[in-house]
């Protein structure tokens, strides 16, 4: 009869479970920090225009909490404003069409001072009418650019976490 001492294997199993819990905690902390920086960059790089609605885009950027899934740890930065995707990626428009740009009273844009509109569907609002010239408005890519920086930060964080886990297992 052969006896095998399994104490070493049980100790290794316990060490690995502790290292896994430690790694998950470190990952959550890093993702939380990186997501906060990502959100701050996006808000900082989103311009607020002259329109009364312009601050809406800048002020509605938000983030989710840190979520643990089977794939790992994640968090999301998003903007629920309906025109956020047009701002981010650009959009088409029909040249020659006149559009109303709502402005705050006294504001000036494109060399025209805002005035109160007295007739039509914009009656009672302040703004200007402009003729569209370009068939496409370029996107600003504030979220995309910040995501690229966040991904680099995540790669560096993964290396740091891996190094800490290796040190903990020694």
N, C-alpha and C. Protein backbone atom coordinates (compact mmCIF):
# COMPACT_ATOMS: atom_id res chain seq x y z
N UNK A 1 0.84 -1.17 0.00
CA UNK A 1 0.00 0.00 0.00
C UNK A 1 0.89 1.25 0.00
N UNK A 2 0.54 2.18 -0.88
CA UNK A 2 1.32 3.41 -1.02
C UNK A 2 0.53 4.55 -0.39
N UNK A 3 1.20 5.29 0.47
CA UNK A 3 0.58 6.46 1.08
C UNK A 3 1.13 7.72 0.42
N UNK A 4 0.20 8.62 0.06
CA UNK A 4 0.60 9.89 -0.55
C UNK A 4 0.18 11.01 0.39
N UNK A 5 1.13 11.85 0.70
CA UNK A 5 0.84 12.98 1.58
C UNK A 5 0.28 14.13 0.72
N UNK A 6 -0.96 14.53 0.96
CA UNK A 6 -1.63 15.56 0.15
C UNK A 6 -1.66 16.92 0.86
N UNK A 7 -0.96 17.05 1.97
CA UNK A 7 -0.95 18.34 2.66
C UNK A 7 -0.40 19.46 1.78
N UNK A 8 0.64 19.16 1.02
CA UNK A 8 1.24 20.16 0.13
C UNK A 8 0.27 20.61 -0.95
N UNK A 9 -0.50 19.65 -1.48
CA UNK A 9 -1.48 20.00 -2.52
C UNK A 9 -2.61 20.85 -1.95
N UNK A 10 -3.05 20.51 -0.73
CA UNK A 10 -4.10 21.30 -0.10
C UNK A 10 -3.62 22.72 0.19
N UNK A 11 -2.37 22.84 0.62
CA UNK A 11 -1.79 24.16 0.88
C UNK A 11 -1.69 24.96 -0.41
N UNK A 12 -1.27 24.30 -1.50
CA UNK A 12 -1.19 24.97 -2.80
C UNK A 12 -2.57 25.43 -3.25
N UNK A 13 -3.57 24.58 -3.06
CA UNK A 13 -4.94 24.94 -3.44
C UNK A 13 -5.40 26.17 -2.65
N UNK A 14 -5.15 26.20 -1.36
CA UNK A 14 -5.52 27.35 -0.53
C UNK A 14 -4.79 28.61 -0.97
N UNK A 15 -3.51 28.48 -1.28
CA UNK A 15 -2.72 29.62 -1.75
C UNK A 15 -3.27 30.18 -3.07
N UNK A 16 -3.64 29.28 -3.97
CA UNK A 16 -4.19 29.71 -5.26
C UNK A 16 -5.55 30.40 -5.09
N UNK A 17 -6.38 29.90 -4.19
CA UNK A 17 -7.68 30.53 -3.95
C UNK A 17 -7.51 31.92 -3.34
N UNK A 18 -6.55 32.05 -2.42
CA UNK A 18 -6.26 33.36 -1.84
C UNK A 18 -5.72 34.32 -2.90
N UNK A 19 -4.85 33.82 -3.77
CA UNK A 19 -4.28 34.65 -4.83
C UNK A 19 -5.37 35.09 -5.80
N UNK A 20 -6.33 34.21 -6.10
CA UNK A 20 -7.43 34.56 -6.99
C UNK A 20 -8.28 35.68 -6.38
N UNK A 21 -8.61 35.55 -5.09
CA UNK A 21 -9.41 36.59 -4.42
C UNK A 21 -8.64 37.91 -4.38
N UNK A 22 -7.35 37.84 -4.12
CA UNK A 22 -6.49 39.02 -4.09
C UNK A 22 -6.45 39.69 -5.46
N UNK A 23 -6.32 38.87 -6.52
CA UNK A 23 -6.27 39.39 -7.89
C UNK A 23 -7.59 40.07 -8.26
N UNK A 24 -8.70 39.47 -7.90
CA UNK A 24 -10.01 40.07 -8.21
C UNK A 24 -10.18 41.42 -7.51
N UNK A 25 -9.74 41.49 -6.26
CA UNK A 25 -9.84 42.75 -5.51
C UNK A 25 -8.96 43.83 -6.13
N UNK A 26 -7.73 43.46 -6.49
CA UNK A 26 -6.83 44.41 -7.15
C UNK A 26 -7.40 44.86 -8.50
N UNK A 27 -7.97 43.93 -9.25
CA UNK A 27 -8.54 44.25 -10.56
C UNK A 27 -9.71 45.23 -10.40
N UNK A 28 -10.56 45.01 -9.43
CA UNK A 28 -11.70 45.91 -9.20
C UNK A 28 -11.22 47.32 -8.86
N UNK A 29 -10.22 47.41 -8.00
CA UNK A 29 -9.67 48.72 -7.62
C UNK A 29 -9.09 49.44 -8.84
N UNK A 30 -8.30 48.72 -9.65
CA UNK A 30 -7.66 49.32 -10.83
C UNK A 30 -8.70 49.76 -11.86
N UNK A 31 -9.68 48.90 -12.13
CA UNK A 31 -10.72 49.24 -13.11
C UNK A 31 -11.51 50.46 -12.63
N UNK A 32 -11.78 50.52 -11.34
CA UNK A 32 -12.50 51.66 -10.77
C UNK A 32 -11.71 52.96 -10.97
N UNK A 33 -10.41 52.93 -10.67
CA UNK A 33 -9.55 54.11 -10.84
C UNK A 33 -9.45 54.53 -12.30
N UNK A 34 -9.23 53.57 -13.17
CA UNK A 34 -9.07 53.87 -14.59
C UNK A 34 -10.37 54.40 -15.19
N UNK A 35 -11.50 53.84 -14.78
CA UNK A 35 -12.79 54.32 -15.27
C UNK A 35 -13.06 55.74 -14.81
N UNK A 36 -12.69 56.07 -13.58
CA UNK A 36 -12.84 57.45 -13.11
C UNK A 36 -12.02 58.43 -13.95
N UNK A 37 -10.78 58.04 -14.26
CA UNK A 37 -9.93 58.91 -15.09
C UNK A 37 -10.49 59.03 -16.51
N UNK A 38 -10.99 57.92 -17.02
CA UNK A 38 -11.59 57.89 -18.36
C UNK A 38 -12.79 58.83 -18.43
N UNK A 39 -13.65 58.77 -17.43
CA UNK A 39 -14.83 59.65 -17.38
C UNK A 39 -14.41 61.12 -17.28
N UNK A 40 -13.42 61.40 -16.44
CA UNK A 40 -12.95 62.79 -16.28
C UNK A 40 -12.39 63.33 -17.60
N UNK A 41 -11.64 62.50 -18.34
CA UNK A 41 -11.08 62.93 -19.63
C UNK A 41 -12.19 63.24 -20.63
N UNK A 42 -13.20 62.37 -20.68
CA UNK A 42 -14.31 62.55 -21.64
C UNK A 42 -15.06 63.84 -21.32
N UNK A 43 -15.37 64.08 -20.06
CA UNK A 43 -16.09 65.29 -19.67
C UNK A 43 -15.25 66.53 -19.99
N UNK A 44 -13.97 66.47 -19.68
CA UNK A 44 -13.08 67.61 -19.94
C UNK A 44 -12.99 67.94 -21.43
N UNK A 45 -12.98 66.92 -22.29
CA UNK A 45 -12.81 67.13 -23.72
C UNK A 45 -14.11 67.37 -24.48
N UNK A 46 -15.25 67.28 -23.79
CA UNK A 46 -16.53 67.58 -24.44
C UNK A 46 -16.79 69.07 -24.31
N UNK A 47 -16.86 69.79 -25.43
CA UNK A 47 -17.09 71.23 -25.35
C UNK A 47 -18.54 71.56 -25.02
N UNK A 48 -18.74 72.66 -24.33
CA UNK A 48 -20.09 73.18 -24.09
C UNK A 48 -20.26 74.38 -24.99
N UNK A 49 -21.27 74.34 -25.85
CA UNK A 49 -21.49 75.42 -26.81
C UNK A 49 -22.37 76.52 -26.27
N UNK A 50 -22.88 77.35 -27.18
CA UNK A 50 -23.69 78.51 -26.83
C UNK A 50 -25.16 78.16 -26.63
N UNK A 51 -25.57 77.02 -27.15
CA UNK A 51 -26.98 76.63 -27.09
C UNK A 51 -27.39 76.29 -25.66
N UNK A 52 -28.65 76.56 -25.31
CA UNK A 52 -29.10 76.16 -23.97
C UNK A 52 -29.03 74.65 -23.76
N UNK A 53 -29.09 73.87 -24.86
CA UNK A 53 -29.00 72.42 -24.76
C UNK A 53 -27.56 71.91 -24.75
N UNK A 54 -26.60 72.74 -25.14
CA UNK A 54 -25.21 72.28 -25.26
C UNK A 54 -24.62 71.72 -23.97
N UNK A 55 -24.83 72.33 -22.82
CA UNK A 55 -24.25 71.74 -21.61
C UNK A 55 -24.81 70.36 -21.29
N UNK A 56 -25.95 70.02 -21.89
CA UNK A 56 -26.56 68.73 -21.62
C UNK A 56 -25.61 67.59 -21.93
N UNK A 57 -24.96 67.62 -23.08
CA UNK A 57 -24.05 66.55 -23.48
C UNK A 57 -22.88 66.42 -22.50
N UNK A 58 -22.29 67.53 -22.15
CA UNK A 58 -21.14 67.51 -21.25
C UNK A 58 -21.52 67.02 -19.85
N UNK A 59 -22.68 67.41 -19.38
CA UNK A 59 -23.08 67.09 -18.00
C UNK A 59 -23.73 65.73 -17.84
N UNK A 60 -24.03 65.02 -18.93
CA UNK A 60 -24.71 63.73 -18.78
C UNK A 60 -23.79 62.53 -18.96
N UNK A 61 -22.50 62.75 -19.15
CA UNK A 61 -21.58 61.61 -19.17
C UNK A 61 -21.64 60.94 -17.81
N UNK A 62 -21.64 59.61 -17.80
CA UNK A 62 -21.73 58.87 -16.55
C UNK A 62 -20.99 57.55 -16.71
N UNK A 63 -20.91 56.81 -15.63
CA UNK A 63 -20.25 55.51 -15.66
C UNK A 63 -21.04 54.50 -14.85
N UNK A 64 -20.84 53.25 -15.18
CA UNK A 64 -21.47 52.18 -14.41
C UNK A 64 -20.54 51.81 -13.26
N UNK A 65 -21.05 50.99 -12.38
CA UNK A 65 -20.19 50.46 -11.33
C UNK A 65 -19.32 49.35 -11.90
N UNK A 66 -18.39 48.88 -11.11
CA UNK A 66 -17.52 47.79 -11.53
C UNK A 66 -18.32 46.49 -11.42
N UNK A 67 -18.30 45.72 -12.51
CA UNK A 67 -19.08 44.49 -12.59
C UNK A 67 -18.12 43.32 -12.81
N UNK A 68 -18.30 42.24 -12.05
CA UNK A 68 -17.52 41.03 -12.24
C UNK A 68 -18.35 40.04 -13.04
N UNK A 69 -17.81 39.61 -14.19
CA UNK A 69 -18.49 38.63 -15.03
C UNK A 69 -17.57 37.44 -15.24
N UNK A 70 -18.01 36.48 -16.03
CA UNK A 70 -17.18 35.32 -16.34
C UNK A 70 -15.94 35.73 -17.14
N UNK A 71 -16.06 36.81 -17.91
CA UNK A 71 -14.94 37.29 -18.72
C UNK A 71 -13.94 38.13 -17.93
N UNK A 72 -14.32 38.58 -16.75
CA UNK A 72 -13.43 39.40 -15.95
C UNK A 72 -14.17 40.54 -15.28
N UNK A 73 -13.45 41.63 -15.06
CA UNK A 73 -14.00 42.79 -14.38
C UNK A 73 -14.17 43.91 -15.41
N UNK A 74 -15.31 44.61 -15.35
CA UNK A 74 -15.52 45.68 -16.33
C UNK A 74 -16.34 46.82 -15.73
N UNK A 75 -16.25 47.96 -16.40
CA UNK A 75 -17.06 49.14 -16.08
C UNK A 75 -17.26 49.88 -17.39
N UNK A 76 -18.28 50.70 -17.44
CA UNK A 76 -18.65 51.35 -18.70
C UNK A 76 -18.81 52.85 -18.51
N UNK A 77 -18.35 53.64 -19.49
CA UNK A 77 -18.59 55.08 -19.53
C UNK A 77 -19.58 55.30 -20.67
N UNK A 78 -20.63 56.08 -20.41
CA UNK A 78 -21.68 56.24 -21.42
C UNK A 78 -22.33 57.61 -21.30
N UNK A 79 -23.10 57.96 -22.34
CA UNK A 79 -23.89 59.19 -22.35
C UNK A 79 -25.26 58.85 -22.91
N UNK A 80 -26.32 58.97 -22.11
CA UNK A 80 -27.65 58.60 -22.57
C UNK A 80 -28.33 59.63 -23.48
N UNK A 81 -27.69 60.77 -23.71
CA UNK A 81 -28.27 61.81 -24.56
C UNK A 81 -28.46 61.26 -25.97
N UNK A 82 -29.62 61.55 -26.58
CA UNK A 82 -29.95 60.95 -27.87
C UNK A 82 -29.02 61.37 -29.01
N UNK A 83 -28.36 62.50 -28.92
CA UNK A 83 -27.49 62.95 -30.01
C UNK A 83 -26.00 62.71 -29.72
N UNK A 84 -25.68 61.98 -28.68
CA UNK A 84 -24.28 61.74 -28.31
C UNK A 84 -23.53 60.98 -29.40
N UNK A 85 -24.17 60.02 -30.05
CA UNK A 85 -23.47 59.25 -31.09
C UNK A 85 -23.17 60.14 -32.31
N UNK A 86 -24.05 61.10 -32.62
CA UNK A 86 -23.81 62.01 -33.74
C UNK A 86 -22.62 62.92 -33.43
N UNK A 87 -22.52 63.36 -32.19
CA UNK A 87 -21.40 64.19 -31.76
C UNK A 87 -20.10 63.38 -31.82
N UNK A 88 -20.17 62.14 -31.35
CA UNK A 88 -18.98 61.30 -31.28
C UNK A 88 -18.46 60.90 -32.66
N UNK A 89 -19.34 60.42 -33.54
CA UNK A 89 -18.90 59.84 -34.81
C UNK A 89 -19.18 60.70 -36.04
N UNK A 90 -19.89 61.81 -35.88
CA UNK A 90 -20.23 62.66 -37.02
C UNK A 90 -21.57 62.27 -37.61
N UNK A 91 -22.03 63.07 -38.57
CA UNK A 91 -23.32 62.78 -39.20
C UNK A 91 -23.44 63.50 -40.54
N UNK A 92 -24.35 62.98 -41.36
CA UNK A 92 -24.63 63.60 -42.65
C UNK A 92 -25.68 64.69 -42.48
N UNK A 93 -25.69 65.63 -43.41
CA UNK A 93 -26.72 66.66 -43.43
C UNK A 93 -26.89 67.12 -44.87
N UNK A 94 -28.02 67.73 -45.15
CA UNK A 94 -28.33 68.16 -46.52
C UNK A 94 -27.92 69.61 -46.72
N UNK A 95 -26.88 69.86 -47.55
CA UNK A 95 -26.45 71.24 -47.81
C UNK A 95 -27.57 72.06 -48.45
N UNK A 96 -27.63 73.33 -48.10
CA UNK A 96 -28.64 74.23 -48.64
C UNK A 96 -29.87 74.37 -47.75
N UNK A 97 -30.04 73.46 -46.81
CA UNK A 97 -31.19 73.51 -45.92
C UNK A 97 -30.92 74.54 -44.81
N UNK A 98 -31.96 75.24 -44.38
CA UNK A 98 -31.84 76.19 -43.28
C UNK A 98 -32.21 75.49 -41.98
N UNK A 99 -31.39 75.70 -40.95
CA UNK A 99 -31.67 75.12 -39.63
C UNK A 99 -31.62 76.22 -38.58
N UNK A 100 -32.37 75.99 -37.54
CA UNK A 100 -32.41 76.93 -36.42
C UNK A 100 -31.43 76.46 -35.35
N UNK A 101 -30.59 77.36 -34.87
CA UNK A 101 -29.68 77.06 -33.78
C UNK A 101 -30.12 77.89 -32.59
N UNK A 102 -30.56 77.21 -31.55
CA UNK A 102 -31.02 77.93 -30.36
C UNK A 102 -29.80 78.39 -29.56
N UNK A 103 -29.82 79.65 -29.18
CA UNK A 103 -28.73 80.24 -28.42
C UNK A 103 -29.28 80.93 -27.18
N UNK A 104 -28.41 81.21 -26.24
CA UNK A 104 -28.82 81.99 -25.08
C UNK A 104 -28.96 83.45 -25.52
N UNK A 105 -29.86 84.21 -24.93
CA UNK A 105 -30.05 85.61 -25.32
C UNK A 105 -28.72 86.38 -25.26
N UNK A 106 -28.42 87.12 -26.32
CA UNK A 106 -27.21 87.92 -26.37
C UNK A 106 -26.00 87.19 -26.93
N UNK A 107 -26.09 85.86 -27.08
CA UNK A 107 -24.95 85.09 -27.59
C UNK A 107 -24.80 85.32 -29.09
N UNK A 108 -23.59 85.09 -29.58
CA UNK A 108 -23.31 85.29 -31.00
C UNK A 108 -22.64 84.04 -31.55
N UNK A 109 -23.04 83.65 -32.77
CA UNK A 109 -22.43 82.49 -33.41
C UNK A 109 -22.41 82.73 -34.91
N UNK A 110 -21.32 82.35 -35.56
CA UNK A 110 -21.14 82.53 -37.00
C UNK A 110 -21.35 83.99 -37.41
N UNK A 111 -20.99 84.92 -36.57
CA UNK A 111 -21.10 86.34 -36.89
C UNK A 111 -22.51 86.91 -36.76
N UNK A 112 -23.43 86.12 -36.23
CA UNK A 112 -24.80 86.60 -36.06
C UNK A 112 -25.16 86.59 -34.58
N UNK A 113 -25.82 87.65 -34.14
CA UNK A 113 -26.26 87.73 -32.75
C UNK A 113 -27.63 87.08 -32.64
N UNK A 114 -27.85 86.35 -31.56
CA UNK A 114 -29.14 85.68 -31.32
C UNK A 114 -30.26 86.70 -31.22
N UNK A 115 -31.40 86.34 -31.78
CA UNK A 115 -32.58 87.21 -31.66
C UNK A 115 -33.77 86.33 -31.28
N UNK A 116 -34.77 86.96 -30.72
CA UNK A 116 -35.96 86.21 -30.33
C UNK A 116 -36.82 85.99 -31.58
N UNK A 117 -37.23 84.76 -31.79
CA UNK A 117 -38.05 84.40 -32.95
C UNK A 117 -39.52 84.65 -32.59
N UNK A 118 -40.25 85.31 -33.49
CA UNK A 118 -41.64 85.69 -33.20
C UNK A 118 -42.66 84.82 -33.91
N UNK A 119 -42.26 84.12 -35.00
CA UNK A 119 -43.21 83.30 -35.76
C UNK A 119 -42.68 81.89 -35.94
N UNK A 120 -43.60 80.97 -36.26
CA UNK A 120 -43.22 79.61 -36.59
C UNK A 120 -43.05 78.72 -35.37
N UNK A 121 -42.49 77.54 -35.62
CA UNK A 121 -42.39 76.56 -34.53
C UNK A 121 -41.32 76.93 -33.49
N UNK A 122 -40.46 77.89 -33.80
CA UNK A 122 -39.43 78.33 -32.85
C UNK A 122 -39.81 79.63 -32.14
N UNK A 123 -41.07 80.04 -32.26
CA UNK A 123 -41.52 81.30 -31.65
C UNK A 123 -41.25 81.28 -30.14
N UNK A 124 -40.71 82.41 -29.66
CA UNK A 124 -40.40 82.54 -28.24
C UNK A 124 -39.00 82.09 -27.87
N UNK A 125 -38.28 81.46 -28.80
CA UNK A 125 -36.91 81.00 -28.53
C UNK A 125 -35.92 82.01 -29.09
N UNK A 126 -34.72 82.01 -28.53
CA UNK A 126 -33.64 82.87 -29.01
C UNK A 126 -32.70 82.03 -29.87
N UNK A 127 -32.24 82.60 -30.99
CA UNK A 127 -31.30 81.88 -31.82
C UNK A 127 -31.11 82.51 -33.17
N UNK A 128 -30.51 81.73 -34.08
CA UNK A 128 -30.24 82.19 -35.45
C UNK A 128 -30.60 81.08 -36.43
N UNK A 129 -30.83 81.45 -37.68
CA UNK A 129 -31.02 80.50 -38.75
C UNK A 129 -29.76 80.50 -39.61
N UNK A 130 -29.26 79.32 -39.93
CA UNK A 130 -28.09 79.23 -40.80
C UNK A 130 -28.39 78.28 -41.96
N UNK A 131 -27.65 78.46 -43.04
CA UNK A 131 -27.77 77.59 -44.21
C UNK A 131 -26.65 76.56 -44.14
N UNK A 132 -27.00 75.27 -44.18
CA UNK A 132 -26.00 74.21 -44.11
C UNK A 132 -25.17 74.19 -45.39
N UNK A 133 -23.86 74.04 -45.24
CA UNK A 133 -22.96 74.07 -46.39
C UNK A 133 -22.26 72.74 -46.60
N UNK A 134 -21.92 72.04 -45.56
CA UNK A 134 -21.16 70.80 -45.66
C UNK A 134 -22.10 69.59 -45.64
N UNK A 135 -21.82 68.57 -46.47
CA UNK A 135 -22.67 67.39 -46.45
C UNK A 135 -22.40 66.46 -45.26
N UNK A 136 -21.28 66.68 -44.57
CA UNK A 136 -20.93 65.81 -43.44
C UNK A 136 -20.28 66.63 -42.33
N UNK A 137 -20.70 66.39 -41.12
CA UNK A 137 -20.10 67.01 -39.94
C UNK A 137 -19.20 65.96 -39.30
N UNK A 138 -17.93 66.29 -39.13
CA UNK A 138 -16.98 65.34 -38.56
C UNK A 138 -17.28 65.08 -37.09
N UNK A 139 -16.99 63.86 -36.66
CA UNK A 139 -17.15 63.50 -35.26
C UNK A 139 -16.03 64.06 -34.42
N UNK A 140 -16.26 64.15 -33.11
CA UNK A 140 -15.24 64.69 -32.20
C UNK A 140 -14.43 63.58 -31.52
N UNK A 141 -14.94 62.36 -31.46
CA UNK A 141 -14.25 61.18 -30.93
C UNK A 141 -13.69 61.36 -29.53
N UNK A 142 -14.40 62.07 -28.66
CA UNK A 142 -13.90 62.27 -27.30
C UNK A 142 -13.90 60.96 -26.52
N UNK A 143 -14.92 60.15 -26.69
CA UNK A 143 -15.00 58.86 -25.98
C UNK A 143 -14.00 57.87 -26.57
N UNK A 144 -13.90 57.82 -27.88
CA UNK A 144 -13.01 56.88 -28.55
C UNK A 144 -11.55 57.16 -28.19
N UNK A 145 -11.16 58.42 -28.21
CA UNK A 145 -9.78 58.78 -27.87
C UNK A 145 -9.45 58.44 -26.42
N UNK A 146 -10.39 58.73 -25.54
CA UNK A 146 -10.17 58.44 -24.13
C UNK A 146 -10.13 56.93 -23.88
N UNK A 147 -10.92 56.17 -24.64
CA UNK A 147 -10.92 54.71 -24.52
C UNK A 147 -9.56 54.13 -24.87
N UNK A 148 -8.93 54.67 -25.90
CA UNK A 148 -7.61 54.20 -26.30
C UNK A 148 -6.60 54.40 -25.16
N UNK A 149 -6.67 55.55 -24.50
CA UNK A 149 -5.78 55.81 -23.37
C UNK A 149 -6.11 54.89 -22.19
N UNK A 150 -7.39 54.66 -21.96
CA UNK A 150 -7.81 53.78 -20.87
C UNK A 150 -7.34 52.34 -21.12
N UNK A 151 -7.37 51.89 -22.37
CA UNK A 151 -6.90 50.54 -22.68
C UNK A 151 -5.41 50.39 -22.39
N UNK A 152 -4.63 51.42 -22.69
CA UNK A 152 -3.20 51.37 -22.36
C UNK A 152 -3.00 51.30 -20.85
N UNK A 153 -3.80 52.08 -20.11
CA UNK A 153 -3.71 52.05 -18.65
C UNK A 153 -4.11 50.68 -18.11
N UNK A 154 -5.11 50.05 -18.73
CA UNK A 154 -5.54 48.71 -18.30
C UNK A 154 -4.46 47.67 -18.54
N UNK A 155 -3.76 47.77 -19.66
CA UNK A 155 -2.67 46.84 -19.94
C UNK A 155 -1.56 46.97 -18.89
N UNK A 156 -1.22 48.20 -18.55
CA UNK A 156 -0.19 48.43 -17.53
C UNK A 156 -0.66 47.91 -16.17
N UNK A 157 -1.94 48.11 -15.86
CA UNK A 157 -2.49 47.62 -14.59
C UNK A 157 -2.47 46.10 -14.54
N UNK A 158 -2.77 45.44 -15.66
CA UNK A 158 -2.75 43.97 -15.71
C UNK A 158 -1.35 43.44 -15.43
N UNK A 159 -0.34 44.13 -15.96
CA UNK A 159 1.05 43.71 -15.71
C UNK A 159 1.40 43.88 -14.23
N UNK A 160 0.97 45.00 -13.64
CA UNK A 160 1.24 45.23 -12.21
C UNK A 160 0.56 44.17 -11.34
N UNK A 161 -0.68 43.85 -11.67
CA UNK A 161 -1.42 42.86 -10.89
C UNK A 161 -0.77 41.49 -11.03
N UNK A 162 -0.36 41.15 -12.25
CA UNK A 162 0.30 39.86 -12.48
C UNK A 162 1.58 39.75 -11.66
N UNK A 163 2.34 40.84 -11.62
CA UNK A 163 3.58 40.85 -10.85
C UNK A 163 3.30 40.67 -9.35
N UNK A 164 2.27 41.35 -8.84
CA UNK A 164 1.91 41.23 -7.42
C UNK A 164 1.46 39.83 -7.07
N UNK A 165 0.73 39.18 -7.97
CA UNK A 165 0.26 37.82 -7.72
C UNK A 165 1.45 36.85 -7.68
N UNK A 166 2.39 37.03 -8.61
CA UNK A 166 3.56 36.18 -8.62
C UNK A 166 4.36 36.33 -7.33
N UNK A 167 4.45 37.56 -6.84
CA UNK A 167 5.16 37.79 -5.58
C UNK A 167 4.42 37.15 -4.41
N UNK A 168 3.09 37.20 -4.45
CA UNK A 168 2.29 36.63 -3.36
C UNK A 168 2.37 35.10 -3.33
N UNK A 169 2.57 34.48 -4.48
CA UNK A 169 2.64 33.01 -4.55
C UNK A 169 4.00 32.45 -4.17
N UNK A 170 5.03 33.27 -4.10
CA UNK A 170 6.37 32.80 -3.75
C UNK A 170 6.48 32.41 -2.31
